[in-house]
Amino acid sequence: MSAPTTDADPIEAHVADLSAALHGPVRVKSRMVTDLRDGLIDAARDLSCGREPDHHAARQAVHEFGTVAEIAPSFQRELTIAQARHTARAVMLIVPFLFLCWYLAETWDGSTGHQLPDLVRLLVAHLGGIAASAAFLAAAALAATGALARWLPTPHQLPLLVAWTGTTAAVALAISALTLTLASILATNWPLSTVAGVVTIAFHTRIAASARACRECARVTLAGP
């Protein structure tokens, strides 16, 4: 049977409550929680005049630092920015692979004297435009949350924009995988197209998961306390 809440370590209880209220990248969140715990322990030790902090000193340190409702928004904002950067970085790194896949498919098939169907080529052109736009927005988001953040405030809606940019890129990758599969059936380079399609689906899954996490973080941040 667990101990009553009043007998629990106030610092550990406070850290656990804050951790449960936050959403974001696991590593960043873990580092933030660890730093908070260390800071509270140091504060409690100071209140105990350098001795090992007792229950009263721990409770006082937690009280002075602030309640979960008071401090969670600032922590969540930082986590949301970190998740937005993670999603934007994934889009920036993965989208160029889509262009490489289509280039290889077109080059390989052209070298054998065959051409991809006009409908497939038209779809590729549209997907390329969508993917290029997503990559451009991702690059802008990385800049806005990186170097530019030193001089300009980060727009509150930016993480949500990054989330939907990631979702758009994920949809483009999913359609591309289906199109590559169709191309592998109609063309002579089916081994290359099939492999590219499988890898594209894997990248789609990664970006889609990151974009979904980014939407969740943005929703929590915009909802406020």
C-alpha atoms as a PDB file:
ATOM      1  CA  MET A   1       0.000   0.000   0.000  1.00  0.00           C
ATOM      2  CA  SER A   2       1.450   3.365  -1.030  1.00  0.00           C
ATOM      3  CA  ALA A   3       2.263   6.037   1.527  1.00  0.00           C
ATOM      4  CA  PRO A   4      -0.097   8.980   1.943  1.00  0.00           C
ATOM      5  CA  THR A   5       0.578  12.011  -0.206  1.00  0.00           C
ATOM      6  CA  THR A   6       1.474  14.078   2.869  1.00  0.00           C
ATOM      7  CA  ASP A   7       4.379  11.702   3.666  1.00  0.00           C
ATOM      8  CA  ALA A   8       5.723  11.646   0.133  1.00  0.00           C
ATOM      9  CA  ASP A   9       8.841  13.564  -0.848  1.00  0.00           C
ATOM     10  CA  PRO A  10       7.474  17.026  -1.807  1.00  0.00           C
ATOM     11  CA  ILE A  11      10.145  17.521  -4.457  1.00  0.00           C
ATOM     12  CA  GLU A  12       9.591  14.153  -6.137  1.00  0.00           C
ATOM     13  CA  ALA A  13       5.819  14.624  -5.975  1.00  0.00           C
ATOM     14  CA  HIS A  14       6.097  18.097  -7.515  1.00  0.00           C
ATOM     15  CA  VAL A  15       8.425  16.870 -10.270  1.00  0.00           C
ATOM     16  CA  ALA A  16       6.148  13.909 -11.034  1.00  0.00           C
ATOM     17  CA  ASP A  17       3.065  16.148 -11.270  1.00  0.00           C
ATOM     18  CA  LEU A  18       4.869  18.562 -13.595  1.00  0.00           C
ATOM     19  CA  SER A  19       6.173  15.730 -15.774  1.00  0.00           C
ATOM     20  CA  ALA A  20       2.656  14.329 -16.132  1.00  0.00           C
ATOM     21  CA  ALA A  21       1.368  17.734 -17.248  1.00  0.00           C
ATOM     22  CA  LEU A  22       3.984  18.240 -19.974  1.00  0.00           C
ATOM     23  CA  HIS A  23       4.018  16.986 -23.564  1.00  0.00           C
ATOM     24  CA  GLY A  24       7.038  17.019 -25.851  1.00  0.00           C
ATOM     25  CA  PRO A  25      10.236  15.261 -26.953  1.00  0.00           C
ATOM     26  CA  VAL A  26      11.203  12.622 -24.394  1.00  0.00           C
ATOM     27  CA  ARG A  27      14.867  13.597 -24.126  1.00  0.00           C
ATOM     28  CA  VAL A  28      14.208  17.319 -23.789  1.00  0.00           C
ATOM     29  CA  LYS A  29      11.453  16.719 -21.248  1.00  0.00           C
ATOM     30  CA  SER A  30      13.655  14.354 -19.245  1.00  0.00           C
ATOM     31  CA  ARG A  31      16.475  16.911 -19.153  1.00  0.00           C
ATOM     32  CA  MET A  32      14.098  19.681 -18.048  1.00  0.00           C
ATOM     33  CA  VAL A  33      12.621  17.545 -15.274  1.00  0.00           C
ATOM     34  CA  THR A  34      16.076  16.510 -14.087  1.00  0.00           C
ATOM     35  CA  ASP A  35      17.263  20.131 -13.995  1.00  0.00           C
ATOM     36  CA  LEU A  36      14.143  21.103 -12.051  1.00  0.00           C
ATOM     37  CA  ARG A  37      14.679  18.324  -9.512  1.00  0.00           C
ATOM     38  CA  ASP A  38      18.328  19.304  -9.032  1.00  0.00           C
ATOM     39  CA  GLY A  39      17.377  22.951  -8.623  1.00  0.00           C
ATOM     40  CA  LEU A  40      14.726  22.180  -6.012  1.00  0.00           C
ATOM     41  CA  ILE A  41      17.119  19.940  -4.081  1.00  0.00           C
ATOM     42  CA  ASP A  42      19.758  22.694  -4.069  1.00  0.00           C
ATOM     43  CA  ALA A  43      17.156  25.238  -2.912  1.00  0.00           C
ATOM     44  CA  ALA A  44      15.986  22.916  -0.140  1.00  0.00           C
ATOM     45  CA  ARG A  45      19.589  22.319   0.930  1.00  0.00           C
ATOM     46  CA  ASP A  46      20.152  26.081   1.137  1.00  0.00           C
ATOM     47  CA  LEU A  47      17.042  26.413   3.286  1.00  0.00           C
ATOM     48  CA  SER A  48      18.453  23.690   5.544  1.00  0.00           C
ATOM     49  CA  CYS A  49      21.696  25.633   6.002  1.00  0.00           C
ATOM     50  CA  GLY A  50      23.728  23.194   3.926  1.00  0.00           C
ATOM     51  CA  ARG A  51      22.472  20.066   5.654  1.00  0.00           C
ATOM     52  CA  GLU A  52      20.576  17.286   3.914  1.00  0.00           C
ATOM     53  CA  PRO A  53      17.171  18.878   3.206  1.00  0.00           C
ATOM     54  CA  ASP A  54      14.326  17.769   5.465  1.00  0.00           C
ATOM     55  CA  HIS A  55      10.639  17.482   4.612  1.00  0.00           C
ATOM     56  CA  HIS A  56       9.870  21.048   5.686  1.00  0.00           C
ATOM     57  CA  ALA A  57      12.724  22.549   3.641  1.00  0.00           C
ATOM     58  CA  ALA A  58      11.641  20.542   0.596  1.00  0.00           C
ATOM     59  CA  ARG A  59       8.065  21.774   0.911  1.00  0.00           C
ATOM     60  CA  GLN A  60       9.260  25.356   1.288  1.00  0.00           C
ATOM     61  CA  ALA A  61      11.477  25.072  -1.801  1.00  0.00           C
ATOM     62  CA  VAL A  62       8.557  23.737  -3.838  1.00  0.00           C
ATOM     63  CA  HIS A  63       6.276  26.498  -2.537  1.00  0.00           C
ATOM     64  CA  GLU A  64       8.762  29.231  -3.458  1.00  0.00           C
ATOM     65  CA  PHE A  65       9.330  27.795  -6.921  1.00  0.00           C
ATOM     66  CA  GLY A  66       5.632  27.785  -7.802  1.00  0.00           C
ATOM     67  CA  THR A  67       2.772  25.386  -8.363  1.00  0.00           C
ATOM     68  CA  VAL A  68       2.497  23.138 -11.386  1.00  0.00           C
ATOM     69  CA  ALA A  69      -0.275  25.329 -12.786  1.00  0.00           C
ATOM     70  CA  GLU A  70       1.997  28.368 -12.497  1.00  0.00           C
ATOM     71  CA  ILE A  71       5.182  26.948 -14.031  1.00  0.00           C
ATOM     72  CA  ALA A  72       3.859  24.380 -16.514  1.00  0.00           C
ATOM     73  CA  PRO A  73       2.996  26.901 -19.289  1.00  0.00           C
ATOM     74  CA  SER A  74       6.577  28.169 -19.607  1.00  0.00           C
ATOM     75  CA  PHE A  75       7.976  24.622 -19.557  1.00  0.00           C
ATOM     76  CA  GLN A  76       5.387  23.490 -22.100  1.00  0.00           C
ATOM     77  CA  ARG A  77       6.176  26.413 -24.386  1.00  0.00           C
ATOM     78  CA  GLU A  78       9.824  25.375 -24.462  1.00  0.00           C
ATOM     79  CA  LEU A  79       8.894  21.752 -25.144  1.00  0.00           C
ATOM     80  CA  THR A  80       6.524  22.789 -27.931  1.00  0.00           C
ATOM     81  CA  ILE A  81       9.269  24.786 -29.637  1.00  0.00           C
ATOM     82  CA  ALA A  82      11.610  21.804 -29.309  1.00  0.00           C
ATOM     83  CA  GLN A  83       8.999  19.491 -30.875  1.00  0.00           C
ATOM     84  CA  ALA A  84       8.359  21.991 -33.673  1.00  0.00           C
ATOM     85  CA  ARG A  85      12.070  22.117 -34.449  1.00  0.00           C
ATOM     86  CA  HIS A  86      12.227  18.314 -34.388  1.00  0.00           C
ATOM     87  CA  THR A  87       9.353  18.085 -36.884  1.00  0.00           C
ATOM     88  CA  ALA A  88      10.745  20.828 -39.117  1.00  0.00           C
ATOM     89  CA  ARG A  89      14.162  19.179 -39.113  1.00  0.00           C
ATOM     90  CA  ALA A  90      12.627  15.835 -40.108  1.00  0.00           C
ATOM     91  CA  VAL A  91      10.825  17.472 -43.032  1.00  0.00           C
ATOM     92  CA  MET A  92      14.016  19.238 -44.121  1.00  0.00           C
ATOM     93  CA  LEU A  93      16.055  16.017 -44.072  1.00  0.00           C
ATOM     94  CA  ILE A  94      13.481  13.630 -45.531  1.00  0.00           C
ATOM     95  CA  VAL A  95      11.772  15.657 -48.291  1.00  0.00           C
ATOM     96  CA  PRO A  96      14.939  15.807 -50.454  1.00  0.00           C
ATOM     97  CA  PHE A  97      14.865  11.997 -50.447  1.00  0.00           C
ATOM     98  CA  LEU A  98      11.520  12.189 -52.263  1.00  0.00           C
ATOM     99  CA  PHE A  99      13.097  14.165 -55.098  1.00  0.00           C
ATOM    100  CA  LEU A 100      15.987  11.709 -55.244  1.00  0.00           C
ATOM    101  CA  CYS A 101      13.587   8.772 -55.566  1.00  0.00           C
ATOM    102  CA  TRP A 102      11.748  10.357 -58.456  1.00  0.00           C
ATOM    103  CA  TYR A 103      14.989  11.365 -60.136  1.00  0.00           C
ATOM    104  CA  LEU A 104      16.343   7.837 -59.938  1.00  0.00           C
ATOM    105  CA  ALA A 105      13.082   6.341 -61.166  1.00  0.00           C
ATOM    106  CA  GLU A 106      12.916   8.736 -64.110  1.00  0.00           C
ATOM    107  CA  THR A 107      16.601   8.364 -64.997  1.00  0.00           C
ATOM    108  CA  TRP A 108      16.613   4.590 -64.719  1.00  0.00           C
ATOM    109  CA  ASP A 109      13.463   4.172 -66.778  1.00  0.00           C
ATOM    110  CA  GLY A 110      14.589   6.712 -69.370  1.00  0.00           C
ATOM    111  CA  SER A 111      17.858   4.853 -69.876  1.00  0.00           C
ATOM    112  CA  THR A 112      15.903   1.783 -70.962  1.00  0.00           C
ATOM    113  CA  GLY A 113      13.861   3.696 -73.514  1.00  0.00           C
ATOM    114  CA  HIS A 114      10.668   3.723 -71.446  1.00  0.00           C
ATOM    115  CA  GLN A 115       8.831   6.677 -69.944  1.00  0.00           C
ATOM    116  CA  LEU A 116       6.606   6.928 -66.921  1.00  0.00           C
ATOM    117  CA  PRO A 117       2.919   7.391 -67.801  1.00  0.00           C
ATOM    118  CA  ASP A 118       1.846  11.009 -68.281  1.00  0.00           C
ATOM    119  CA  LEU A 119      -0.587  10.795 -65.366  1.00  0.00           C
ATOM    120  CA  VAL A 120       2.181   9.591 -63.076  1.00  0.00           C
ATOM    121  CA  ARG A 121       4.530  12.319 -64.289  1.00  0.00           C
ATOM    122  CA  LEU A 122       1.836  14.971 -63.674  1.00  0.00           C
ATOM    123  CA  LEU A 123       1.210  13.665 -60.163  1.00  0.00           C
ATOM    124  CA  VAL A 124       4.940  13.701 -59.496  1.00  0.00           C
ATOM    125  CA  ALA A 125       5.136  17.345 -60.543  1.00  0.00           C
ATOM    126  CA  HIS A 126       2.343  18.318 -58.126  1.00  0.00           C
ATOM    127  CA  LEU A 127       3.812  16.273 -55.286  1.00  0.00           C
ATOM    128  CA  GLY A 128       7.182  17.855 -55.932  1.00  0.00           C
ATOM    129  CA  GLY A 129       5.678  21.327 -55.596  1.00  0.00           C
ATOM    130  CA  ILE A 130       3.936  20.402 -52.349  1.00  0.00           C
ATOM    131  CA  ALA A 131       7.075  18.819 -50.927  1.00  0.00           C
ATOM    132  CA  ALA A 132       9.203  21.816 -51.926  1.00  0.00           C
ATOM    133  CA  SER A 133       6.756  24.183 -50.216  1.00  0.00           C
ATOM    134  CA  ALA A 134       6.809  22.028 -47.074  1.00  0.00           C
ATOM    135  CA  ALA A 135      10.606  22.039 -47.043  1.00  0.00           C
ATOM    136  CA  PHE A 136      10.674  25.826 -47.467  1.00  0.00           C
ATOM    137  CA  LEU A 137       8.249  26.334 -44.569  1.00  0.00           C
ATOM    138  CA  ALA A 138      10.261  23.911 -42.430  1.00  0.00           C
ATOM    139  CA  ALA A 139      13.445  25.854 -43.139  1.00  0.00           C
ATOM    140  CA  ALA A 140      11.700  29.109 -42.221  1.00  0.00           C
ATOM    141  CA  ALA A 141      10.440  27.557 -38.977  1.00  0.00           C
ATOM    142  CA  LEU A 142      13.919  26.380 -38.034  1.00  0.00           C
ATOM    143  CA  ALA A 143      15.257  29.875 -38.631  1.00  0.00           C
ATOM    144  CA  ALA A 144      12.430  31.513 -36.659  1.00  0.00           C
ATOM    145  CA  THR A 145      12.980  29.228 -33.660  1.00  0.00           C
ATOM    146  CA  GLY A 146      16.761  29.319 -33.931  1.00  0.00           C
ATOM    147  CA  ALA A 147      18.971  32.270 -34.779  1.00  0.00           C
ATOM    148  CA  LEU A 148      16.096  34.708 -35.399  1.00  0.00           C
ATOM    149  CA  ALA A 149      14.581  33.922 -31.993  1.00  0.00           C
ATOM    150  CA  ARG A 150      17.361  36.023 -30.426  1.00  0.00           C
ATOM    151  CA  TRP A 151      15.905  39.168 -31.967  1.00  0.00           C
ATOM    152  CA  LEU A 152      12.288  38.324 -32.839  1.00  0.00           C
ATOM    153  CA  PRO A 153       9.631  36.641 -30.680  1.00  0.00           C
ATOM    154  CA  THR A 154       8.510  33.241 -31.926  1.00  0.00           C
ATOM    155  CA  PRO A 155       4.872  33.447 -33.163  1.00  0.00           C
ATOM    156  CA  HIS A 156       2.518  31.455 -30.953  1.00  0.00           C
ATOM    157  CA  GLN A 157       0.908  29.782 -33.977  1.00  0.00           C
ATOM    158  CA  LEU A 158       4.237  28.695 -35.486  1.00  0.00           C
ATOM    159  CA  PRO A 159       4.348  25.208 -33.882  1.00  0.00           C
ATOM    160  CA  LEU A 160       0.849  24.509 -35.208  1.00  0.00           C
ATOM    161  CA  LEU A 161       1.929  25.646 -38.671  1.00  0.00           C
ATOM    162  CA  VAL A 162       4.937  23.327 -38.459  1.00  0.00           C
ATOM    163  CA  ALA A 163       2.649  20.476 -37.398  1.00  0.00           C
ATOM    164  CA  TRP A 164       0.415  20.885 -40.432  1.00  0.00           C
ATOM    165  CA  THR A 165       3.456  21.337 -42.654  1.00  0.00           C
ATOM    166  CA  GLY A 166       4.723  17.991 -41.401  1.00  0.00           C
ATOM    167  CA  THR A 167       1.311  16.435 -41.995  1.00  0.00           C
ATOM    168  CA  THR A 168       1.275  17.774 -45.554  1.00  0.00           C
ATOM    169  CA  ALA A 169       4.733  16.347 -46.180  1.00  0.00           C
ATOM    170  CA  ALA A 170       3.640  13.006 -44.705  1.00  0.00           C
ATOM    171  CA  VAL A 171       0.624  12.871 -47.023  1.00  0.00           C
ATOM    172  CA  ALA A 172       2.856  13.698 -49.996  1.00  0.00           C
ATOM    173  CA  LEU A 173       5.193  10.875 -49.006  1.00  0.00           C
ATOM    174  CA  ALA A 174       2.297   8.421 -48.666  1.00  0.00           C
ATOM    175  CA  ILE A 175       0.939   9.311 -52.103  1.00  0.00           C
ATOM    176  CA  SER A 176       4.450   9.128 -53.503  1.00  0.00           C
ATOM    177  CA  ALA A 177       4.867   5.608 -52.132  1.00  0.00           C
ATOM    178  CA  LEU A 178       1.655   4.522 -53.863  1.00  0.00           C
ATOM    179  CA  THR A 179       2.715   6.249 -57.066  1.00  0.00           C
ATOM    180  CA  LEU A 180       6.131   4.604 -56.975  1.00  0.00           C
ATOM    181  CA  THR A 181       4.419   1.249 -56.527  1.00  0.00           C
ATOM    182  CA  LEU A 182       2.245   1.974 -59.578  1.00  0.00           C
ATOM    183  CA  ALA A 183       5.304   3.040 -61.520  1.00  0.00           C
ATOM    184  CA  SER A 184       7.074  -0.178 -60.594  1.00  0.00           C
ATOM    185  CA  ILE A 185       4.215  -2.158 -62.120  1.00  0.00           C
ATOM    186  CA  LEU A 186       4.044  -0.122 -65.313  1.00  0.00           C
ATOM    187  CA  ALA A 187       7.762   0.442 -65.850  1.00  0.00           C
ATOM    188  CA  THR A 188      10.836  -1.733 -66.136  1.00  0.00           C
ATOM    189  CA  ASN A 189      12.601  -0.473 -63.033  1.00  0.00           C
ATOM    190  CA  TRP A 190      10.284  -2.184 -60.556  1.00  0.00           C
ATOM    191  CA  PRO A 191      13.021  -3.270 -58.099  1.00  0.00           C
ATOM    192  CA  LEU A 192      14.242   0.318 -57.654  1.00  0.00           C
ATOM    193  CA  SER A 193      10.727   1.756 -57.456  1.00  0.00           C
ATOM    194  CA  THR A 194       9.626  -0.896 -54.987  1.00  0.00           C
ATOM    195  CA  VAL A 195      12.551  -0.256 -52.648  1.00  0.00           C
ATOM    196  CA  ALA A 196      12.014   3.500 -52.922  1.00  0.00           C
ATOM    197  CA  GLY A 197       8.320   3.012 -52.145  1.00  0.00           C
ATOM    198  CA  VAL A 198       9.043   0.971 -49.009  1.00  0.00           C
ATOM    199  CA  VAL A 199      11.583   3.501 -47.727  1.00  0.00           C
ATOM    200  CA  THR A 200       9.189   6.361 -48.517  1.00  0.00           C
ATOM    201  CA  ILE A 201       6.478   4.702 -46.410  1.00  0.00           C
ATOM    202  CA  ALA A 202       8.960   4.401 -43.531  1.00  0.00           C
ATOM    203  CA  PHE A 203       9.767   8.115 -43.796  1.00  0.00           C
ATOM    204  CA  HIS A 204       6.047   8.912 -44.028  1.00  0.00           C
ATOM    205  CA  THR A 205       5.480   7.103 -40.734  1.00  0.00           C
ATOM    206  CA  ARG A 206       8.272   9.030 -39.045  1.00  0.00           C
ATOM    207  CA  ILE A 207       7.121  12.467 -40.190  1.00  0.00           C
ATOM    208  CA  ALA A 208       3.455  11.681 -39.484  1.00  0.00           C
ATOM    209  CA  ALA A 209       4.261  10.664 -35.892  1.00  0.00           C
ATOM    210  CA  SER A 210       6.377  13.780 -35.337  1.00  0.00           C
ATOM    211  CA  ALA A 211       3.677  16.040 -36.815  1.00  0.00           C
ATOM    212  CA  ARG A 212       1.027  14.410 -34.627  1.00  0.00           C
ATOM    213  CA  ALA A 213       3.156  15.028 -31.523  1.00  0.00           C
ATOM    214  CA  CYS A 214       3.700  18.625 -32.637  1.00  0.00           C
ATOM    215  CA  ARG A 215      -0.044  19.187 -32.994  1.00  0.00           C
ATOM    216  CA  GLU A 216      -0.592  17.834 -29.496  1.00  0.00           C
ATOM    217  CA  CYS A 217       2.097  20.100 -28.039  1.00  0.00           C
ATOM    218  CA  ALA A 218       0.710  23.120 -29.885  1.00  0.00           C
ATOM    219  CA  ARG A 219      -2.834  22.319 -28.693  1.00  0.00           C
ATOM    220  CA  VAL A 220      -1.719  22.151 -25.058  1.00  0.00           C
ATOM    221  CA  THR A 221       0.294  25.366 -25.374  1.00  0.00           C
ATOM    222  CA  LEU A 222      -2.486  27.344 -27.059  1.00  0.00           C
ATOM    223  CA  ALA A 223      -5.065  26.046 -24.569  1.00  0.00           C
ATOM    224  CA  GLY A 224      -3.078  27.721 -21.791  1.00  0.00           C
ATOM    225  CA  PRO A 225      -3.374  27.050 -18.067  1.00  0.00           C
END
